[in-house]
């Protein structure tokens, strides 16, 4: 019995490690280096995220980065079945949250590229799609609405993230405590990773994103 429990725990730990390694795939850095001979972290906001990729490399590679970064977050959670056993199936919700956190931390602190990554917005999008599909649509609509009004990616990300736990808890009536707390974590995490952007927004010197330009400061 003890040996079985130990093997189950090792398997779950392996799953978390795999999620972190998936999250560590630095698509913006690798695409920039391989196809453009640039490290996006040396330009603009020095951030390995979608917005800085668009500013540095262009819209097309930025969209590819967005898709890859979201996909790795979604995949990290959806691969849970590889590591859950009959005796740990009751832990699925908590395990999925652990996988999600590991993937996001991998994106922010990627082992493959010197632990200097992005702010986690796109990867969190994939995670949210995997765990909270209904709230995902609402959060994306909020992001799109704010962005179309302001052209600030940072402000759009922050407002969508702050609204997310309220949507999940009060609109979609999430009853699972672990998923409630994780939705709150998501909102706080995005605010914390965007604290410099918040300062620039308050000072009025945050850069807007023009999809026809490549240079500037990033909000993601």
N, C-alpha and C. Protein backbone atom coordinates (compact mmCIF):
# COMPACT_ATOMS: atom_id res chain seq x y z
N UNK A 1 0.83 -1.20 0.00
CA UNK A 1 0.00 0.00 0.00
C UNK A 1 0.86 1.25 0.00
N UNK A 2 1.89 1.27 0.88
CA UNK A 2 2.79 2.42 0.97
C UNK A 2 3.57 2.58 -0.33
N UNK A 3 4.02 1.44 -0.89
CA UNK A 3 4.77 1.51 -2.14
C UNK A 3 3.90 2.05 -3.27
N UNK A 4 2.63 1.65 -3.30
CA UNK A 4 1.71 2.15 -4.33
C UNK A 4 1.50 3.64 -4.19
N UNK A 5 1.32 4.10 -2.94
CA UNK A 5 1.14 5.53 -2.70
C UNK A 5 2.37 6.31 -3.12
N UNK A 6 3.55 5.79 -2.81
CA UNK A 6 4.78 6.47 -3.19
C UNK A 6 4.92 6.56 -4.71
N UNK A 7 4.58 5.49 -5.40
CA UNK A 7 4.68 5.51 -6.86
C UNK A 7 3.67 6.49 -7.46
N UNK A 8 2.49 6.61 -6.84
CA UNK A 8 1.50 7.58 -7.30
C UNK A 8 2.01 9.01 -7.13
N UNK A 9 2.63 9.27 -6.00
CA UNK A 9 3.16 10.61 -5.74
C UNK A 9 4.29 10.94 -6.71
N UNK A 10 5.15 9.97 -6.96
CA UNK A 10 6.24 10.18 -7.92
C UNK A 10 5.68 10.47 -9.31
N UNK A 11 4.61 9.78 -9.67
CA UNK A 11 4.00 9.97 -10.99
C UNK A 11 3.39 11.38 -11.10
N UNK A 12 2.74 11.84 -10.04
CA UNK A 12 2.17 13.18 -10.03
C UNK A 12 3.28 14.23 -10.09
N UNK A 13 4.37 13.99 -9.36
CA UNK A 13 5.50 14.92 -9.39
C UNK A 13 6.11 14.97 -10.79
N UNK A 14 6.17 13.81 -11.44
CA UNK A 14 6.68 13.78 -12.82
C UNK A 14 5.79 14.61 -13.73
N UNK A 15 4.48 14.52 -13.54
CA UNK A 15 3.56 15.32 -14.33
C UNK A 15 3.78 16.81 -14.16
N UNK A 16 4.00 17.25 -12.93
CA UNK A 16 4.27 18.67 -12.66
C UNK A 16 5.57 19.09 -13.34
N UNK A 17 6.59 18.22 -13.28
CA UNK A 17 7.86 18.53 -13.93
C UNK A 17 7.69 18.65 -15.44
N UNK A 18 6.91 17.76 -16.03
CA UNK A 18 6.65 17.82 -17.47
C UNK A 18 5.91 19.11 -17.83
N UNK A 19 4.96 19.50 -17.00
CA UNK A 19 4.22 20.75 -17.24
C UNK A 19 5.16 21.95 -17.21
N UNK A 20 6.08 21.94 -16.26
CA UNK A 20 7.06 23.03 -16.19
C UNK A 20 7.94 23.06 -17.44
N UNK A 21 8.39 21.90 -17.87
CA UNK A 21 9.24 21.84 -19.07
C UNK A 21 8.48 22.27 -20.32
N UNK A 22 7.20 21.93 -20.40
CA UNK A 22 6.38 22.40 -21.50
C UNK A 22 6.25 23.92 -21.46
N UNK A 23 5.98 24.44 -20.27
CA UNK A 23 5.85 25.88 -20.12
C UNK A 23 7.14 26.62 -20.44
N UNK A 24 8.26 25.95 -20.27
CA UNK A 24 9.57 26.58 -20.51
C UNK A 24 9.92 26.73 -21.98
N UNK A 25 9.09 26.17 -22.86
CA UNK A 25 9.34 26.33 -24.29
C UNK A 25 9.20 27.81 -24.64
N UNK A 26 10.31 28.46 -24.91
CA UNK A 26 10.33 29.91 -25.17
C UNK A 26 10.17 30.16 -26.66
N UNK A 27 8.95 30.11 -27.12
CA UNK A 27 8.70 30.20 -28.56
C UNK A 27 9.19 31.52 -29.15
N UNK A 28 9.01 32.62 -28.43
CA UNK A 28 9.44 33.92 -28.97
C UNK A 28 10.95 33.98 -29.12
N UNK A 29 11.66 33.43 -28.14
CA UNK A 29 13.13 33.45 -28.19
C UNK A 29 13.63 32.55 -29.31
N UNK A 30 13.07 31.36 -29.40
CA UNK A 30 13.55 30.40 -30.41
C UNK A 30 13.18 30.85 -31.82
N UNK A 31 11.98 31.34 -32.02
CA UNK A 31 11.59 31.83 -33.34
C UNK A 31 12.45 33.02 -33.74
N UNK A 32 12.68 33.92 -32.81
CA UNK A 32 13.52 35.08 -33.10
C UNK A 32 14.94 34.70 -33.46
N UNK A 33 15.50 33.76 -32.72
CA UNK A 33 16.89 33.35 -32.98
C UNK A 33 17.02 32.57 -34.28
N UNK A 34 16.11 31.63 -34.51
CA UNK A 34 16.23 30.74 -35.66
C UNK A 34 15.91 31.45 -36.97
N UNK A 35 14.82 32.21 -37.00
CA UNK A 35 14.34 32.78 -38.26
C UNK A 35 14.71 34.24 -38.49
N UNK A 36 15.01 34.97 -37.40
CA UNK A 36 15.30 36.40 -37.54
C UNK A 36 16.66 36.79 -36.97
N UNK A 37 17.36 35.82 -36.40
CA UNK A 37 18.68 36.06 -35.82
C UNK A 37 18.64 37.19 -34.79
N UNK A 38 17.56 37.21 -34.02
CA UNK A 38 17.39 38.20 -32.96
C UNK A 38 16.89 37.51 -31.70
N UNK A 39 17.32 38.01 -30.56
CA UNK A 39 16.75 37.59 -29.28
C UNK A 39 15.80 38.71 -28.87
N UNK A 40 14.50 38.44 -28.86
CA UNK A 40 13.51 39.49 -28.59
C UNK A 40 13.73 40.13 -27.22
N UNK A 41 14.42 39.42 -26.33
CA UNK A 41 14.65 39.96 -24.99
C UNK A 41 15.70 41.07 -24.99
N UNK A 42 16.33 41.30 -26.12
CA UNK A 42 17.30 42.39 -26.23
C UNK A 42 16.69 43.64 -26.86
N UNK A 43 15.38 43.60 -27.12
CA UNK A 43 14.71 44.73 -27.77
C UNK A 43 13.45 45.11 -26.99
N UNK A 44 12.96 46.31 -27.27
CA UNK A 44 11.69 46.74 -26.70
C UNK A 44 11.66 46.65 -25.19
N UNK A 45 10.71 45.86 -24.69
CA UNK A 45 10.54 45.71 -23.25
C UNK A 45 11.48 44.65 -22.67
N UNK A 46 12.25 43.99 -23.52
CA UNK A 46 13.15 42.90 -23.11
C UNK A 46 12.36 41.72 -22.54
N UNK A 47 11.14 41.57 -23.02
CA UNK A 47 10.25 40.55 -22.50
C UNK A 47 10.00 39.49 -23.59
N UNK A 48 10.02 38.22 -23.19
CA UNK A 48 9.80 37.13 -24.15
C UNK A 48 8.32 36.79 -24.22
N UNK A 49 7.54 37.73 -24.75
CA UNK A 49 6.11 37.53 -24.86
C UNK A 49 5.58 37.92 -26.22
N UNK A 50 4.27 37.76 -26.38
CA UNK A 50 3.64 38.01 -27.68
C UNK A 50 3.79 39.45 -28.13
N UNK A 51 3.50 40.39 -27.24
CA UNK A 51 3.50 41.80 -27.65
C UNK A 51 4.88 42.26 -28.06
N UNK A 52 5.89 41.90 -27.30
CA UNK A 52 7.25 42.31 -27.65
C UNK A 52 7.71 41.62 -28.93
N UNK A 53 7.22 40.42 -29.18
CA UNK A 53 7.53 39.74 -30.44
C UNK A 53 6.92 40.50 -31.62
N UNK A 54 5.67 40.94 -31.47
CA UNK A 54 5.04 41.71 -32.53
C UNK A 54 5.81 43.00 -32.79
N UNK A 55 6.21 43.68 -31.74
CA UNK A 55 6.94 44.94 -31.88
C UNK A 55 8.32 44.72 -32.50
N UNK A 56 8.95 43.61 -32.14
CA UNK A 56 10.33 43.36 -32.57
C UNK A 56 10.41 42.64 -33.91
N UNK A 57 9.55 41.63 -34.11
CA UNK A 57 9.66 40.79 -35.30
C UNK A 57 8.52 41.00 -36.30
N UNK A 58 7.35 41.42 -35.81
CA UNK A 58 6.22 41.61 -36.70
C UNK A 58 5.00 40.85 -36.25
N UNK A 59 3.88 41.10 -36.91
CA UNK A 59 2.60 40.52 -36.51
C UNK A 59 2.54 39.01 -36.69
N UNK A 60 2.99 38.51 -37.84
CA UNK A 60 2.88 37.07 -38.12
C UNK A 60 3.62 36.21 -37.09
N UNK A 61 4.92 36.50 -36.81
CA UNK A 61 5.58 35.70 -35.78
C UNK A 61 4.95 35.90 -34.40
N UNK A 62 4.41 37.09 -34.15
CA UNK A 62 3.74 37.33 -32.87
C UNK A 62 2.52 36.45 -32.70
N UNK A 63 1.75 36.26 -33.76
CA UNK A 63 0.58 35.39 -33.69
C UNK A 63 1.00 33.94 -33.47
N UNK A 64 2.08 33.53 -34.14
CA UNK A 64 2.58 32.17 -33.94
C UNK A 64 3.00 31.96 -32.48
N UNK A 65 3.68 32.94 -31.92
CA UNK A 65 4.10 32.86 -30.52
C UNK A 65 2.89 32.78 -29.60
N UNK A 66 1.88 33.59 -29.87
CA UNK A 66 0.66 33.56 -29.06
C UNK A 66 0.03 32.17 -29.08
N UNK A 67 -0.07 31.58 -30.25
CA UNK A 67 -0.69 30.26 -30.37
C UNK A 67 0.12 29.20 -29.64
N UNK A 68 1.44 29.22 -29.83
CA UNK A 68 2.29 28.22 -29.19
C UNK A 68 2.24 28.36 -27.67
N UNK A 69 2.34 29.60 -27.18
CA UNK A 69 2.36 29.82 -25.74
C UNK A 69 1.03 29.44 -25.10
N UNK A 70 -0.08 29.72 -25.79
CA UNK A 70 -1.38 29.30 -25.26
C UNK A 70 -1.53 27.78 -25.33
N UNK A 71 -1.07 27.20 -26.43
CA UNK A 71 -1.19 25.75 -26.61
C UNK A 71 -0.42 24.98 -25.54
N UNK A 72 0.76 25.46 -25.18
CA UNK A 72 1.54 24.72 -24.18
C UNK A 72 0.85 24.76 -22.81
N UNK A 73 0.17 25.86 -22.48
CA UNK A 73 -0.57 25.91 -21.24
C UNK A 73 -1.76 24.96 -21.25
N UNK A 74 -2.48 24.95 -22.36
CA UNK A 74 -3.62 24.04 -22.50
C UNK A 74 -3.16 22.58 -22.46
N UNK A 75 -2.08 22.28 -23.17
CA UNK A 75 -1.59 20.90 -23.25
C UNK A 75 -1.08 20.42 -21.90
N UNK A 76 -0.42 21.29 -21.15
CA UNK A 76 0.11 20.89 -19.85
C UNK A 76 -0.99 20.38 -18.94
N UNK A 77 -2.16 21.00 -18.99
CA UNK A 77 -3.30 20.57 -18.16
C UNK A 77 -3.96 19.33 -18.75
N UNK A 78 -4.15 19.31 -20.06
CA UNK A 78 -4.87 18.22 -20.70
C UNK A 78 -4.10 16.89 -20.70
N UNK A 79 -2.81 16.93 -20.40
CA UNK A 79 -2.03 15.70 -20.31
C UNK A 79 -2.12 15.05 -18.94
N UNK A 80 -3.04 15.54 -18.10
CA UNK A 80 -3.16 15.02 -16.74
C UNK A 80 -3.44 13.52 -16.71
N UNK A 81 -4.16 13.01 -17.72
CA UNK A 81 -4.54 11.59 -17.75
C UNK A 81 -3.32 10.66 -17.81
N UNK A 82 -2.20 11.20 -18.27
CA UNK A 82 -0.99 10.37 -18.36
C UNK A 82 -0.40 10.06 -16.98
N UNK A 83 -0.77 10.87 -15.99
CA UNK A 83 -0.12 10.76 -14.68
C UNK A 83 -1.09 10.41 -13.56
N UNK A 84 -2.38 10.51 -13.83
CA UNK A 84 -3.38 10.13 -12.83
C UNK A 84 -3.61 8.63 -12.87
N UNK A 85 -3.77 8.05 -11.71
CA UNK A 85 -4.11 6.64 -11.61
C UNK A 85 -5.49 6.52 -10.95
N UNK A 86 -5.98 5.31 -10.87
CA UNK A 86 -7.30 5.11 -10.25
C UNK A 86 -7.32 5.61 -8.82
N UNK A 87 -6.21 5.45 -8.12
CA UNK A 87 -6.16 5.86 -6.71
C UNK A 87 -5.96 7.36 -6.54
N UNK A 88 -5.54 8.06 -7.59
CA UNK A 88 -5.33 9.51 -7.47
C UNK A 88 -6.33 10.31 -8.29
N UNK A 89 -7.32 9.63 -8.87
CA UNK A 89 -8.28 10.32 -9.72
C UNK A 89 -9.07 11.38 -8.95
N UNK A 90 -9.29 11.14 -7.66
CA UNK A 90 -10.00 12.12 -6.84
C UNK A 90 -9.20 13.42 -6.67
N UNK A 91 -7.93 13.38 -6.96
CA UNK A 91 -7.08 14.56 -6.82
C UNK A 91 -7.01 15.38 -8.11
N UNK A 92 -7.79 15.01 -9.11
CA UNK A 92 -7.66 15.60 -10.44
C UNK A 92 -7.71 17.12 -10.43
N UNK A 93 -8.66 17.70 -9.72
CA UNK A 93 -8.80 19.15 -9.72
C UNK A 93 -7.53 19.82 -9.19
N UNK A 94 -7.02 19.29 -8.08
CA UNK A 94 -5.83 19.87 -7.48
C UNK A 94 -4.60 19.64 -8.36
N UNK A 95 -4.57 18.47 -8.98
CA UNK A 95 -3.46 18.16 -9.87
C UNK A 95 -3.47 19.07 -11.08
N UNK A 96 -4.65 19.32 -11.64
CA UNK A 96 -4.75 20.22 -12.80
C UNK A 96 -4.28 21.62 -12.44
N UNK A 97 -4.63 22.08 -11.26
CA UNK A 97 -4.16 23.40 -10.82
C UNK A 97 -2.64 23.41 -10.68
N UNK A 98 -2.08 22.33 -10.13
CA UNK A 98 -0.62 22.24 -10.00
C UNK A 98 0.05 22.24 -11.37
N UNK A 99 -0.53 21.53 -12.33
CA UNK A 99 0.01 21.51 -13.69
C UNK A 99 -0.04 22.90 -14.31
N UNK A 100 -1.15 23.59 -14.09
CA UNK A 100 -1.32 24.93 -14.65
C UNK A 100 -0.28 25.89 -14.08
N UNK A 101 -0.10 25.86 -12.77
CA UNK A 101 0.88 26.74 -12.12
C UNK A 101 2.29 26.43 -12.63
N UNK A 102 2.60 25.14 -12.75
CA UNK A 102 3.93 24.74 -13.23
C UNK A 102 4.18 25.24 -14.64
N UNK A 103 3.17 25.14 -15.51
CA UNK A 103 3.34 25.60 -16.89
C UNK A 103 3.56 27.10 -16.96
N UNK A 104 2.80 27.86 -16.17
CA UNK A 104 2.95 29.31 -16.16
C UNK A 104 4.31 29.71 -15.60
N UNK A 105 4.73 29.06 -14.53
CA UNK A 105 6.05 29.36 -13.97
C UNK A 105 7.16 28.99 -14.97
N UNK A 106 6.93 27.94 -15.74
CA UNK A 106 7.89 27.59 -16.78
C UNK A 106 8.02 28.68 -17.82
N UNK A 107 6.88 29.29 -18.17
CA UNK A 107 6.92 30.38 -19.15
C UNK A 107 7.64 31.60 -18.59
N UNK A 108 7.38 31.92 -17.34
CA UNK A 108 7.98 33.11 -16.74
C UNK A 108 9.45 32.86 -16.42
N UNK A 109 9.78 31.65 -15.98
CA UNK A 109 11.16 31.30 -15.62
C UNK A 109 11.60 30.05 -16.40
N UNK A 110 11.80 30.19 -17.72
CA UNK A 110 12.10 29.02 -18.56
C UNK A 110 13.51 28.49 -18.36
N UNK A 111 13.60 27.20 -18.11
CA UNK A 111 14.90 26.59 -17.85
C UNK A 111 15.79 26.59 -19.09
N UNK A 112 15.17 26.56 -20.30
CA UNK A 112 15.95 26.46 -21.52
C UNK A 112 16.64 27.76 -21.92
N UNK A 113 16.13 28.88 -21.44
CA UNK A 113 16.65 30.18 -21.89
C UNK A 113 17.01 31.09 -20.72
N UNK A 114 17.69 30.51 -19.75
CA UNK A 114 18.25 31.30 -18.66
C UNK A 114 17.24 31.87 -17.69
N UNK A 115 16.07 31.23 -17.56
CA UNK A 115 15.04 31.62 -16.59
C UNK A 115 14.54 33.05 -16.80
N UNK A 116 14.63 33.54 -18.02
CA UNK A 116 14.14 34.88 -18.34
C UNK A 116 13.10 34.76 -19.44
N UNK A 117 11.83 34.78 -19.04
CA UNK A 117 10.76 34.55 -20.00
C UNK A 117 9.78 35.70 -20.10
N UNK A 118 8.51 35.37 -20.31
CA UNK A 118 7.48 36.37 -20.47
C UNK A 118 6.67 36.57 -19.21
N UNK A 119 5.53 37.21 -19.35
CA UNK A 119 4.69 37.53 -18.19
C UNK A 119 3.56 36.55 -17.97
N UNK A 120 3.43 35.58 -18.85
CA UNK A 120 2.51 34.48 -18.60
C UNK A 120 1.10 34.65 -19.12
N UNK A 121 0.80 35.75 -19.82
CA UNK A 121 -0.58 35.99 -20.24
C UNK A 121 -1.05 34.92 -21.23
N UNK A 122 -0.30 34.69 -22.28
CA UNK A 122 -0.73 33.73 -23.30
C UNK A 122 -0.80 32.31 -22.73
N UNK A 123 0.17 31.94 -21.90
CA UNK A 123 0.13 30.61 -21.30
C UNK A 123 -1.05 30.47 -20.36
N UNK A 124 -1.36 31.52 -19.62
CA UNK A 124 -2.55 31.50 -18.77
C UNK A 124 -3.82 31.39 -19.60
N UNK A 125 -3.82 31.98 -20.78
CA UNK A 125 -4.98 31.83 -21.67
C UNK A 125 -5.23 30.35 -21.97
N UNK A 126 -4.16 29.62 -22.27
CA UNK A 126 -4.30 28.20 -22.55
C UNK A 126 -4.76 27.42 -21.34
N UNK A 127 -4.21 27.77 -20.18
CA UNK A 127 -4.60 27.12 -18.93
C UNK A 127 -6.08 27.37 -18.63
N UNK A 128 -6.49 28.62 -18.78
CA UNK A 128 -7.89 28.98 -18.51
C UNK A 128 -8.83 28.26 -19.48
N UNK A 129 -8.43 28.17 -20.74
CA UNK A 129 -9.25 27.45 -21.72
C UNK A 129 -9.43 25.99 -21.31
N UNK A 130 -8.38 25.39 -20.75
CA UNK A 130 -8.44 23.99 -20.35
C UNK A 130 -9.29 23.77 -19.11
N UNK A 131 -9.24 24.72 -18.16
CA UNK A 131 -9.90 24.52 -16.87
C UNK A 131 -11.24 25.24 -16.77
N UNK A 132 -11.30 26.45 -17.35
CA UNK A 132 -12.50 27.29 -17.23
C UNK A 132 -12.98 27.72 -18.63
N UNK A 133 -13.45 26.82 -19.46
CA UNK A 133 -13.78 27.19 -20.84
C UNK A 133 -14.84 28.28 -20.96
N UNK A 134 -15.84 28.29 -20.07
CA UNK A 134 -16.89 29.31 -20.20
C UNK A 134 -16.33 30.69 -19.86
N UNK A 135 -15.62 30.78 -18.76
CA UNK A 135 -15.06 32.07 -18.33
C UNK A 135 -13.98 32.54 -19.30
N UNK A 136 -13.33 31.62 -19.98
CA UNK A 136 -12.30 31.97 -20.96
C UNK A 136 -12.88 32.88 -22.03
N UNK A 137 -14.02 32.51 -22.57
CA UNK A 137 -14.64 33.31 -23.63
C UNK A 137 -14.96 34.71 -23.13
N UNK A 138 -15.52 34.80 -21.93
CA UNK A 138 -15.87 36.11 -21.38
C UNK A 138 -14.63 36.96 -21.16
N UNK A 139 -13.55 36.36 -20.64
CA UNK A 139 -12.32 37.11 -20.38
C UNK A 139 -11.69 37.60 -21.68
N UNK A 140 -11.72 36.77 -22.71
CA UNK A 140 -11.17 37.18 -24.02
C UNK A 140 -11.98 38.34 -24.59
N UNK A 141 -13.28 38.31 -24.42
CA UNK A 141 -14.12 39.41 -24.90
C UNK A 141 -13.80 40.71 -24.17
N UNK A 142 -13.55 40.62 -22.87
CA UNK A 142 -13.17 41.82 -22.11
C UNK A 142 -11.83 42.35 -22.61
N UNK A 143 -10.86 41.44 -22.80
CA UNK A 143 -9.56 41.84 -23.31
C UNK A 143 -9.71 42.55 -24.66
N UNK A 144 -10.47 41.94 -25.57
CA UNK A 144 -10.62 42.49 -26.92
C UNK A 144 -11.31 43.85 -26.87
N UNK A 145 -12.32 43.99 -26.03
CA UNK A 145 -13.06 45.25 -25.93
C UNK A 145 -12.15 46.38 -25.43
N UNK A 146 -11.40 46.10 -24.35
CA UNK A 146 -10.51 47.12 -23.79
C UNK A 146 -9.40 47.47 -24.77
N UNK A 147 -8.87 46.44 -25.44
CA UNK A 147 -7.78 46.70 -26.40
C UNK A 147 -8.25 47.54 -27.57
N UNK A 148 -9.43 47.24 -28.09
CA UNK A 148 -9.96 48.02 -29.21
C UNK A 148 -10.20 49.48 -28.81
N UNK A 149 -10.55 49.70 -27.55
CA UNK A 149 -10.79 51.06 -27.07
C UNK A 149 -9.50 51.82 -26.79
N UNK A 150 -8.49 51.11 -26.26
CA UNK A 150 -7.30 51.81 -25.74
C UNK A 150 -6.01 51.50 -26.48
N UNK A 151 -5.91 50.33 -27.10
CA UNK A 151 -4.67 49.84 -27.73
C UNK A 151 -3.58 49.54 -26.71
N UNK A 152 -3.95 49.43 -25.43
CA UNK A 152 -3.00 49.04 -24.40
C UNK A 152 -3.16 47.54 -24.13
N UNK A 153 -2.15 46.75 -24.49
CA UNK A 153 -2.21 45.31 -24.20
C UNK A 153 -2.15 45.07 -22.70
N UNK A 154 -1.31 45.84 -22.02
CA UNK A 154 -1.16 45.66 -20.58
C UNK A 154 -2.47 45.92 -19.85
N UNK A 155 -3.13 47.03 -20.15
CA UNK A 155 -4.39 47.37 -19.49
C UNK A 155 -5.46 46.32 -19.82
N UNK A 156 -5.49 45.87 -21.06
CA UNK A 156 -6.46 44.85 -21.46
C UNK A 156 -6.24 43.56 -20.68
N UNK A 157 -4.96 43.15 -20.55
CA UNK A 157 -4.63 41.93 -19.82
C UNK A 157 -5.00 42.06 -18.35
N UNK A 158 -4.68 43.19 -17.75
CA UNK A 158 -4.95 43.41 -16.33
C UNK A 158 -6.44 43.39 -16.04
N UNK A 159 -7.22 44.13 -16.83
CA UNK A 159 -8.66 44.20 -16.58
C UNK A 159 -9.34 42.85 -16.81
N UNK A 160 -8.91 42.13 -17.85
CA UNK A 160 -9.48 40.80 -18.09
C UNK A 160 -9.15 39.86 -16.94
N UNK A 161 -7.91 39.94 -16.44
CA UNK A 161 -7.49 39.06 -15.35
C UNK A 161 -8.19 39.40 -14.04
N UNK A 162 -8.35 40.69 -13.77
CA UNK A 162 -9.04 41.10 -12.54
C UNK A 162 -10.51 40.71 -12.58
N UNK A 163 -11.12 40.82 -13.77
CA UNK A 163 -12.52 40.44 -13.91
C UNK A 163 -12.72 38.93 -13.83
N UNK A 164 -11.69 38.17 -14.17
CA UNK A 164 -11.83 36.73 -14.32
C UNK A 164 -12.38 36.03 -13.07
N UNK A 165 -11.81 36.23 -11.87
CA UNK A 165 -12.38 35.52 -10.71
C UNK A 165 -13.83 35.90 -10.42
N UNK A 166 -14.18 37.15 -10.67
CA UNK A 166 -15.57 37.56 -10.46
C UNK A 166 -16.50 36.84 -11.44
N UNK A 167 -16.04 36.72 -12.67
CA UNK A 167 -16.83 35.98 -13.66
C UNK A 167 -17.00 34.52 -13.24
N UNK A 168 -15.89 33.91 -12.84
CA UNK A 168 -15.89 32.48 -12.52
C UNK A 168 -16.74 32.20 -11.28
N UNK A 169 -16.62 33.04 -10.26
CA UNK A 169 -17.29 32.77 -8.99
C UNK A 169 -18.76 33.22 -9.01
N UNK A 170 -19.00 34.44 -9.52
CA UNK A 170 -20.34 35.01 -9.39
C UNK A 170 -21.22 34.83 -10.64
N UNK A 171 -20.61 34.78 -11.81
CA UNK A 171 -21.40 34.62 -13.03
C UNK A 171 -21.56 33.15 -13.38
N UNK A 172 -20.44 32.41 -13.39
CA UNK A 172 -20.50 31.00 -13.76
C UNK A 172 -20.63 30.06 -12.57
N UNK A 173 -20.73 30.65 -11.36
CA UNK A 173 -21.07 29.90 -10.14
C UNK A 173 -20.14 28.72 -9.86
N UNK A 174 -18.85 28.99 -9.92
CA UNK A 174 -17.88 27.94 -9.63
C UNK A 174 -17.96 27.58 -8.14
N UNK A 175 -18.19 26.30 -7.85
CA UNK A 175 -18.34 25.86 -6.46
C UNK A 175 -17.12 25.15 -5.91
N UNK A 176 -16.20 24.74 -6.80
CA UNK A 176 -15.01 24.01 -6.35
C UNK A 176 -14.03 24.99 -5.71
N UNK A 177 -13.73 24.85 -4.40
CA UNK A 177 -12.84 25.80 -3.72
C UNK A 177 -11.48 25.97 -4.39
N UNK A 178 -10.89 24.86 -4.83
CA UNK A 178 -9.55 24.95 -5.44
C UNK A 178 -9.59 25.80 -6.70
N UNK A 179 -10.65 25.66 -7.50
CA UNK A 179 -10.75 26.43 -8.73
C UNK A 179 -11.11 27.88 -8.45
N UNK A 180 -11.84 28.12 -7.37
CA UNK A 180 -12.11 29.51 -6.95
C UNK A 180 -10.80 30.21 -6.58
N UNK A 181 -10.03 29.56 -5.73
CA UNK A 181 -8.77 30.15 -5.29
C UNK A 181 -7.81 30.34 -6.46
N UNK A 182 -7.81 29.39 -7.39
CA UNK A 182 -6.90 29.52 -8.53
C UNK A 182 -7.32 30.68 -9.43
N UNK A 183 -8.61 30.90 -9.58
CA UNK A 183 -9.06 32.04 -10.38
C UNK A 183 -8.62 33.35 -9.75
N UNK A 184 -8.65 33.41 -8.42
CA UNK A 184 -8.16 34.61 -7.72
C UNK A 184 -6.65 34.75 -7.92
N UNK A 185 -5.94 33.63 -7.84
CA UNK A 185 -4.49 33.63 -8.06
C UNK A 185 -4.16 34.19 -9.44
N UNK A 186 -4.94 33.79 -10.45
CA UNK A 186 -4.69 34.26 -11.81
C UNK A 186 -4.77 35.78 -11.87
N UNK A 187 -5.83 36.34 -11.29
CA UNK A 187 -5.97 37.79 -11.28
C UNK A 187 -4.82 38.49 -10.60
N UNK A 188 -4.42 37.98 -9.42
CA UNK A 188 -3.32 38.59 -8.68
C UNK A 188 -2.00 38.43 -9.42
N UNK A 189 -1.80 37.26 -10.02
CA UNK A 189 -0.55 36.98 -10.72
C UNK A 189 -0.33 37.97 -11.86
N UNK A 190 -1.36 38.21 -12.65
CA UNK A 190 -1.23 39.12 -13.78
C UNK A 190 -0.98 40.55 -13.29
N UNK A 191 -1.64 40.95 -12.24
CA UNK A 191 -1.40 42.29 -11.68
C UNK A 191 0.05 42.42 -11.23
N UNK A 192 0.57 41.39 -10.55
CA UNK A 192 1.95 41.44 -10.05
C UNK A 192 2.96 41.47 -11.19
N UNK A 193 2.75 40.63 -12.20
CA UNK A 193 3.71 40.59 -13.31
C UNK A 193 3.63 41.85 -14.18
N UNK A 194 2.54 42.60 -14.04
CA UNK A 194 2.38 43.84 -14.83
C UNK A 194 2.53 45.09 -13.96
N UNK A 195 3.19 44.96 -12.82
CA UNK A 195 3.29 46.12 -11.92
C UNK A 195 4.04 47.29 -12.55
N UNK A 196 5.07 47.00 -13.37
CA UNK A 196 5.78 48.09 -14.04
C UNK A 196 4.88 48.76 -15.08
N UNK A 197 4.07 47.94 -15.75
CA UNK A 197 3.13 48.50 -16.72
C UNK A 197 2.10 49.39 -16.03
N UNK A 198 1.67 48.96 -14.84
CA UNK A 198 0.71 49.76 -14.09
C UNK A 198 1.30 51.12 -13.76
N UNK A 199 2.58 51.12 -13.36
CA UNK A 199 3.25 52.40 -13.09
C UNK A 199 3.29 53.29 -14.31
N UNK A 200 3.60 52.70 -15.48
CA UNK A 200 3.64 53.50 -16.70
C UNK A 200 2.25 53.99 -17.11
N UNK A 201 1.24 53.15 -16.88
CA UNK A 201 -0.12 53.58 -17.18
C UNK A 201 -0.53 54.76 -16.31
N UNK A 202 -0.17 54.70 -15.04
CA UNK A 202 -0.52 55.79 -14.13
C UNK A 202 0.23 57.08 -14.48
N UNK A 203 1.46 56.92 -14.99
CA UNK A 203 2.24 58.09 -15.38
C UNK A 203 1.85 58.60 -16.77
N UNK A 204 1.13 57.78 -17.52
CA UNK A 204 0.71 58.17 -18.86
C UNK A 204 1.76 57.95 -19.92
N UNK A 205 2.78 57.11 -19.63
CA UNK A 205 3.81 56.88 -20.64
C UNK A 205 3.90 55.41 -21.09
N UNK A 206 2.82 54.65 -20.88
CA UNK A 206 2.76 53.28 -21.40
C UNK A 206 2.54 53.35 -22.91
N UNK A 207 3.25 52.52 -23.66
CA UNK A 207 3.12 52.52 -25.11
C UNK A 207 1.92 51.70 -25.56
N UNK A 208 1.24 52.20 -26.56
CA UNK A 208 0.15 51.47 -27.18
C UNK A 208 0.71 50.53 -28.24
N UNK A 209 -0.07 49.51 -28.57
CA UNK A 209 0.37 48.56 -29.58
C UNK A 209 -0.27 48.89 -30.92
N UNK A 210 0.59 49.19 -31.89
CA UNK A 210 0.13 49.35 -33.26
C UNK A 210 0.53 48.10 -34.02
N UNK A 211 -0.43 47.39 -34.59
CA UNK A 211 -0.14 46.14 -35.26
C UNK A 211 0.66 46.32 -36.53
N UNK A 212 0.84 47.57 -36.95
CA UNK A 212 1.61 47.82 -38.16
C UNK A 212 3.05 48.21 -37.86
N UNK A 213 3.39 48.27 -36.54
CA UNK A 213 4.74 48.66 -36.15
C UNK A 213 5.43 47.52 -35.43
N UNK A 214 6.75 47.63 -35.34
CA UNK A 214 7.52 46.57 -34.71
C UNK A 214 8.21 47.01 -33.42
N UNK A 215 8.39 48.29 -33.22
CA UNK A 215 9.20 48.73 -32.10
C UNK A 215 8.35 49.44 -31.08
N UNK A 216 8.82 49.34 -29.83
CA UNK A 216 8.14 50.02 -28.74
C UNK A 216 8.21 49.20 -27.48
N UNK A 217 7.47 49.65 -26.49
CA UNK A 217 7.46 48.95 -25.23
C UNK A 217 6.34 47.93 -25.20
N UNK A 218 6.57 46.84 -24.55
CA UNK A 218 5.59 45.77 -24.50
C UNK A 218 4.77 45.83 -23.24
N UNK A 219 3.53 45.39 -23.38
CA UNK A 219 2.66 45.26 -22.22
C UNK A 219 2.49 43.83 -21.79
N UNK A 220 3.12 42.89 -22.48
CA UNK A 220 2.94 41.50 -22.08
C UNK A 220 4.29 40.84 -21.93
